[in-house]
Protein backbone atom coordinates (compact mmCIF):
# COMPACT_ATOMS: atom_id res chain seq x y z
CA MET A 1 18.09 2.94 20.06
CA ARG A 2 14.42 3.33 19.11
CA PHE A 3 12.78 6.25 17.37
CA PHE A 4 9.35 7.66 17.81
CA LEU A 5 8.24 9.16 14.54
CA THR A 6 5.12 10.58 13.08
CA LEU A 7 5.39 11.22 9.33
CA ASP A 8 2.94 13.48 7.51
CA PHE A 9 3.56 13.50 3.78
CA GLY A 10 0.47 15.51 2.83
CA ILE A 11 -2.82 14.52 1.41
CA ASN A 12 -1.79 11.49 -0.64
CA VAL A 13 0.72 9.58 1.50
CA TYR A 14 1.12 9.42 5.23
CA LEU A 15 2.17 7.16 8.04
CA SER A 16 -1.07 6.31 9.76
CA GLN A 17 -0.14 6.73 13.44
CA LYS A 18 2.67 7.42 15.84
CA TYR A 19 4.59 4.20 16.59
CA GLU A 20 7.93 3.26 18.09
CA MET A 21 10.25 2.54 15.14
CA SER A 22 13.79 1.44 14.70
CA TYR A 23 16.17 3.36 12.48
CA GLU A 24 15.98 0.55 9.89
CA GLU A 25 12.18 0.72 9.80
CA VAL A 26 12.28 4.51 9.36
CA GLU A 27 14.79 4.03 6.55
CA LEU A 28 12.69 1.31 4.84
CA LEU A 29 9.45 3.31 5.03
CA SER A 30 11.26 6.41 3.80
CA GLU A 31 12.51 4.52 0.75
CA ILE A 32 9.10 3.05 0.04
CA TYR A 33 7.59 6.56 0.36
CA ALA A 34 10.12 7.86 -2.15
CA LYS A 35 9.07 5.13 -4.63
CA ILE A 36 5.41 5.92 -4.11
CA LYS A 37 6.13 9.60 -4.67
CA GLU A 38 7.95 8.72 -7.93
CA ILE A 39 4.86 6.90 -9.16
CA GLU A 40 2.59 9.79 -8.23
CA GLU A 41 4.95 12.29 -9.96
CA LEU A 42 5.16 10.15 -13.10
CA ILE A 43 1.33 10.00 -13.33
CA GLU A 44 1.08 13.79 -12.85
CA GLU A 45 3.99 14.56 -15.29
CA ARG A 46 2.39 12.48 -18.02
CA GLY A 47 -1.02 14.09 -17.45
CA TYR A 48 -2.85 10.90 -16.42
CA THR A 49 -4.09 12.02 -13.00
CA ASP A 50 -7.69 12.08 -14.16
CA ARG A 51 -7.40 8.67 -15.92
CA ILE A 52 -5.54 6.54 -13.43
CA MET A 53 -7.20 5.06 -10.35
CA SER A 54 -4.83 3.80 -7.76
CA ALA A 55 -4.78 2.86 -4.12
CA MET A 56 -1.64 1.61 -2.45
CA VAL A 57 -1.27 0.40 1.08
CA VAL A 58 2.08 -0.74 2.46
CA GLY A 59 2.09 -2.03 6.00
CA LEU A 60 5.02 -2.98 8.26
CA MET A 61 3.63 -5.36 10.90
CA ASP A 62 4.85 -6.12 14.39
CA GLU A 63 3.36 -8.66 16.74
CA VAL A 64 2.40 -7.10 20.06
CA GLU A 65 1.86 -9.31 23.08
CA THR A 66 -0.34 -7.96 25.84
CA PRO A 67 -1.68 -9.76 28.89
CA GLU A 68 -5.12 -9.80 27.29
CA SER A 69 -4.19 -11.08 23.82
CA ASP A 70 -1.69 -11.07 20.98
CA SER A 71 -2.28 -8.43 18.33
CA VAL A 72 -0.53 -6.81 15.40
CA GLU A 73 0.62 -3.24 15.17
CA MET A 74 0.94 -1.90 11.63
CA LYS A 75 2.92 1.08 10.49
CA SER A 76 1.23 2.05 7.20
CA LEU A 77 1.79 4.20 4.17
CA PHE A 78 -1.25 5.07 2.00
CA SER A 79 -1.43 6.56 -1.43
CA TYR A 80 -4.70 7.25 -3.28
CA ASN A 81 -5.43 8.66 -6.72
CA LEU A 82 -9.24 8.43 -6.56
CA GLN A 83 -11.90 11.01 -7.36
CA SER A 84 -14.89 9.54 -5.55
CA ASP A 85 -16.17 6.82 -3.24
CA SER A 86 -17.42 4.87 -6.25
CA GLU A 87 -13.82 4.72 -7.62
CA LEU A 88 -12.71 3.45 -4.19
CA ASP A 89 -15.40 0.78 -4.39
CA ILE A 90 -14.17 -0.24 -7.83
CA ILE A 91 -10.59 -0.59 -6.58
CA ILE A 92 -11.67 -2.57 -3.55
CA ASP A 93 -13.80 -4.90 -5.73
CA LEU A 94 -10.84 -5.42 -8.13
CA MET A 95 -8.57 -6.26 -5.25
CA ARG A 96 -11.03 -8.72 -3.82
CA GLU A 97 -11.59 -10.37 -7.20
CA SER A 98 -7.85 -10.70 -7.92
CA TYR A 99 -6.82 -11.85 -4.44
CA ASP A 100 -6.99 -15.59 -3.91
CA GLY A 101 -5.79 -15.93 -0.35
CA GLY A 102 -2.14 -16.22 -1.22
CA ASN A 103 -2.60 -19.32 -3.40
CA ASP A 104 -1.94 -17.49 -6.64
CA ASP A 105 -1.72 -19.85 -9.61
CA LEU A 106 0.14 -17.80 -12.19
CA ARG A 107 -0.82 -20.05 -15.09
CA ASN A 108 -4.56 -19.84 -14.33
CA MET A 109 -4.39 -16.09 -13.86
CA LEU A 110 -2.56 -15.62 -17.16
CA ASN A 111 -4.99 -18.02 -18.90
CA ASP A 112 -7.88 -15.91 -17.65
CA LEU A 113 -6.21 -12.98 -19.36
CA GLY A 114 -5.80 -14.95 -22.59
CA ILE A 115 -2.02 -15.35 -22.12
CA SER A 116 -0.38 -18.74 -22.56
CA LEU A 117 3.03 -19.70 -21.23
CA ASN A 118 3.46 -22.35 -23.96
């Protein structure tokens, strides 16, 4: 059995488009959404909404084969706590600077932060 589902969780978090989804995928994305909502509620409860910048993207990818080419379909959840385009630019820059193509060397990263594992 397959489900067709469009989720709209309001301004901060939503599933980007309507896709065919299995029950397990719906369950997984629902649990992830609940965790994201917990984070948002914690920030709000503690009064840090105006001091925390965050952008979360969670994508569940499926390979899609078409006669023309292979592509990837992504079911996505988004959560933003940003006040302006400049804050978005800052988050994007931080993500680019901290991402190393999946070759993360924990020791070097920690050393850059002044933390030693010795």
